[in-house]
C-alpha cells in the first residue's frame, strides 16, 4: 500500500501549522501570584525619599524617630484604630 503523494504545502498552511503548534506549547493558564500574608508587627525595610525638613522634624525627638514616622503614616492611611 503506497500512500498518495502529498500535495505541496503553501506558506499559509505552514504558518497555520506552526502557530497552532506554538500555541499548544506556550499556552498556559494564567495563575495569580501567591498573596503574601502580612505578619502583624513585622516591619519591612524600604528606601524612602522625604524632605530634609520632615526628617529633621522627626529626628528632633531623638531615638525612635522611625517609629514616629511610621505612626504618622499609619494615622494618615487611617490604619490606627
C-alpha atoms as a PDB file:
ATOM      1  CA  UNK A   1       0.000   0.000   0.000  1.00  0.00           C
ATOM      2  CA  UNK A   2       1.586   3.157  -1.078  1.00  0.00           C
ATOM      3  CA  UNK A   3       0.429   6.497   0.179  1.00  0.00           C
ATOM      4  CA  UNK A   4      -0.836   9.057  -2.258  1.00  0.00           C
ATOM      5  CA  UNK A   5       1.632  11.821  -2.954  1.00  0.00           C
ATOM      6  CA  UNK A   6       1.328  14.667  -0.517  1.00  0.00           C
ATOM      7  CA  UNK A   7       0.380  17.985  -2.002  1.00  0.00           C
ATOM      8  CA  UNK A   8       2.994  20.702  -1.561  1.00  0.00           C
ATOM      9  CA  UNK A   9       2.407  22.959   1.430  1.00  0.00           C
ATOM     10  CA  UNK A  10       1.723  26.589   0.864  1.00  0.00           C
ATOM     11  CA  UNK A  11       3.229  29.315   3.022  1.00  0.00           C
ATOM     12  CA  UNK A  12      -0.143  29.894   4.699  1.00  0.00           C
ATOM     13  CA  UNK A  13      -0.507  26.179   5.556  1.00  0.00           C
ATOM     14  CA  UNK A  14       2.955  26.109   7.131  1.00  0.00           C
ATOM     15  CA  UNK A  15       2.305  29.284   9.107  1.00  0.00           C
ATOM     16  CA  UNK A  16      -1.043  27.991  10.371  1.00  0.00           C
ATOM     17  CA  UNK A  17       0.523  24.701  11.460  1.00  0.00           C
ATOM     18  CA  UNK A  18       3.446  26.460  13.154  1.00  0.00           C
ATOM     19  CA  UNK A  19       1.162  28.864  15.012  1.00  0.00           C
ATOM     20  CA  UNK A  20      -1.056  26.008  16.189  1.00  0.00           C
ATOM     21  CA  UNK A  21       1.975  24.058  17.435  1.00  0.00           C
ATOM     22  CA  UNK A  22       3.375  27.162  19.156  1.00  0.00           C
ATOM     23  CA  UNK A  23       0.080  27.866  20.928  1.00  0.00           C
ATOM     24  CA  UNK A  24      -0.078  24.294  22.238  1.00  0.00           C
ATOM     25  CA  UNK A  25       3.386  24.611  23.753  1.00  0.00           C
ATOM     26  CA  UNK A  26       3.151  28.149  25.090  1.00  0.00           C
ATOM     27  CA  UNK A  27      -0.470  28.417  26.191  1.00  0.00           C
ATOM     28  CA  UNK A  28      -0.508  28.169  29.981  1.00  0.00           C
ATOM     29  CA  UNK A  29      -3.312  29.078  32.304  1.00  0.00           C
ATOM     30  CA  UNK A  30      -2.719  32.421  33.945  1.00  0.00           C
ATOM     31  CA  UNK A  31      -2.118  31.982  37.639  1.00  0.00           C
ATOM     32  CA  UNK A  32      -2.198  34.851  40.062  1.00  0.00           C
ATOM     33  CA  UNK A  33       0.952  35.165  42.129  1.00  0.00           C
ATOM     34  CA  UNK A  34       0.513  33.899  45.665  1.00  0.00           C
ATOM     35  CA  UNK A  35      -0.554  36.634  48.039  1.00  0.00           C
ATOM     36  CA  UNK A  36       1.927  37.453  50.740  1.00  0.00           C
ATOM     37  CA  UNK A  37       0.428  37.259  54.172  1.00  0.00           C
ATOM     38  CA  UNK A  38       1.217  40.289  56.293  1.00  0.00           C
ATOM     39  CA  UNK A  39       2.547  39.242  59.651  1.00  0.00           C
ATOM     40  CA  UNK A  40       1.311  41.624  62.359  1.00  0.00           C
ATOM     41  CA  UNK A  41       4.082  43.697  63.874  1.00  0.00           C
ATOM     42  CA  UNK A  42       6.691  42.784  61.272  1.00  0.00           C
ATOM     43  CA  UNK A  43       8.208  45.767  59.517  1.00  0.00           C
ATOM     44  CA  UNK A  44       9.751  45.797  56.073  1.00  0.00           C
ATOM     45  CA  UNK A  45      12.873  47.756  55.228  1.00  0.00           C
ATOM     46  CA  UNK A  46      12.309  50.262  52.424  1.00  0.00           C
ATOM     47  CA  UNK A  47      14.095  53.216  50.920  1.00  0.00           C
ATOM     48  CA  UNK A  48      12.046  56.384  51.126  1.00  0.00           C
ATOM     49  CA  UNK A  49      12.776  59.896  49.917  1.00  0.00           C
ATOM     50  CA  UNK A  50      11.355  62.590  52.168  1.00  0.00           C
ATOM     51  CA  UNK A  51      12.062  66.296  52.566  1.00  0.00           C
ATOM     52  CA  UNK A  52      15.025  67.176  54.784  1.00  0.00           C
ATOM     53  CA  UNK A  53      12.761  69.356  56.958  1.00  0.00           C
ATOM     54  CA  UNK A  54      10.392  66.426  57.559  1.00  0.00           C
ATOM     55  CA  UNK A  55      13.275  64.155  58.523  1.00  0.00           C
ATOM     56  CA  UNK A  56      14.722  66.751  60.885  1.00  0.00           C
ATOM     57  CA  UNK A  57      11.304  67.255  62.495  1.00  0.00           C
ATOM     58  CA  UNK A  58      11.037  63.587  63.418  1.00  0.00           C
ATOM     59  CA  UNK A  59      14.711  63.261  64.407  1.00  0.00           C
ATOM     60  CA  UNK A  60      14.474  66.214  66.817  1.00  0.00           C
ATOM     61  CA  UNK A  61      12.715  63.945  69.292  1.00  0.00           C
ATOM     62  CA  UNK A  62      15.758  61.664  69.478  1.00  0.00           C
ATOM     63  CA  UNK A  63      15.773  57.876  69.188  1.00  0.00           C
ATOM     64  CA  UNK A  64      12.541  56.351  67.911  1.00  0.00           C
ATOM     65  CA  UNK A  65      12.161  58.789  65.033  1.00  0.00           C
ATOM     66  CA  UNK A  66      11.486  55.942  62.566  1.00  0.00           C
ATOM     67  CA  UNK A  67       8.680  54.671  64.805  1.00  0.00           C
ATOM     68  CA  UNK A  68       7.231  58.184  64.928  1.00  0.00           C
ATOM     69  CA  UNK A  69       7.292  58.420  61.134  1.00  0.00           C
ATOM     70  CA  UNK A  70       5.592  55.001  60.939  1.00  0.00           C
ATOM     71  CA  UNK A  71       2.921  56.137  63.406  1.00  0.00           C
ATOM     72  CA  UNK A  72       2.291  59.315  61.396  1.00  0.00           C
ATOM     73  CA  UNK A  73       1.983  57.293  58.171  1.00  0.00           C
ATOM     74  CA  UNK A  74      -0.404  54.795  59.817  1.00  0.00           C
ATOM     75  CA  UNK A  75      -2.557  57.710  61.009  1.00  0.00           C
ATOM     76  CA  UNK A  76      -2.530  59.328  57.555  1.00  0.00           C
ATOM     77  CA  UNK A  77      -3.515  55.987  55.975  1.00  0.00           C
ATOM     78  CA  UNK A  78      -6.338  55.503  58.504  1.00  0.00           C
ATOM     79  CA  UNK A  79      -4.770  52.345  59.931  1.00  0.00           C
ATOM     80  CA  UNK A  80      -4.584  53.321  63.589  1.00  0.00           C
ATOM     81  CA  UNK A  81      -7.665  52.445  65.470  1.00  0.00           C
END
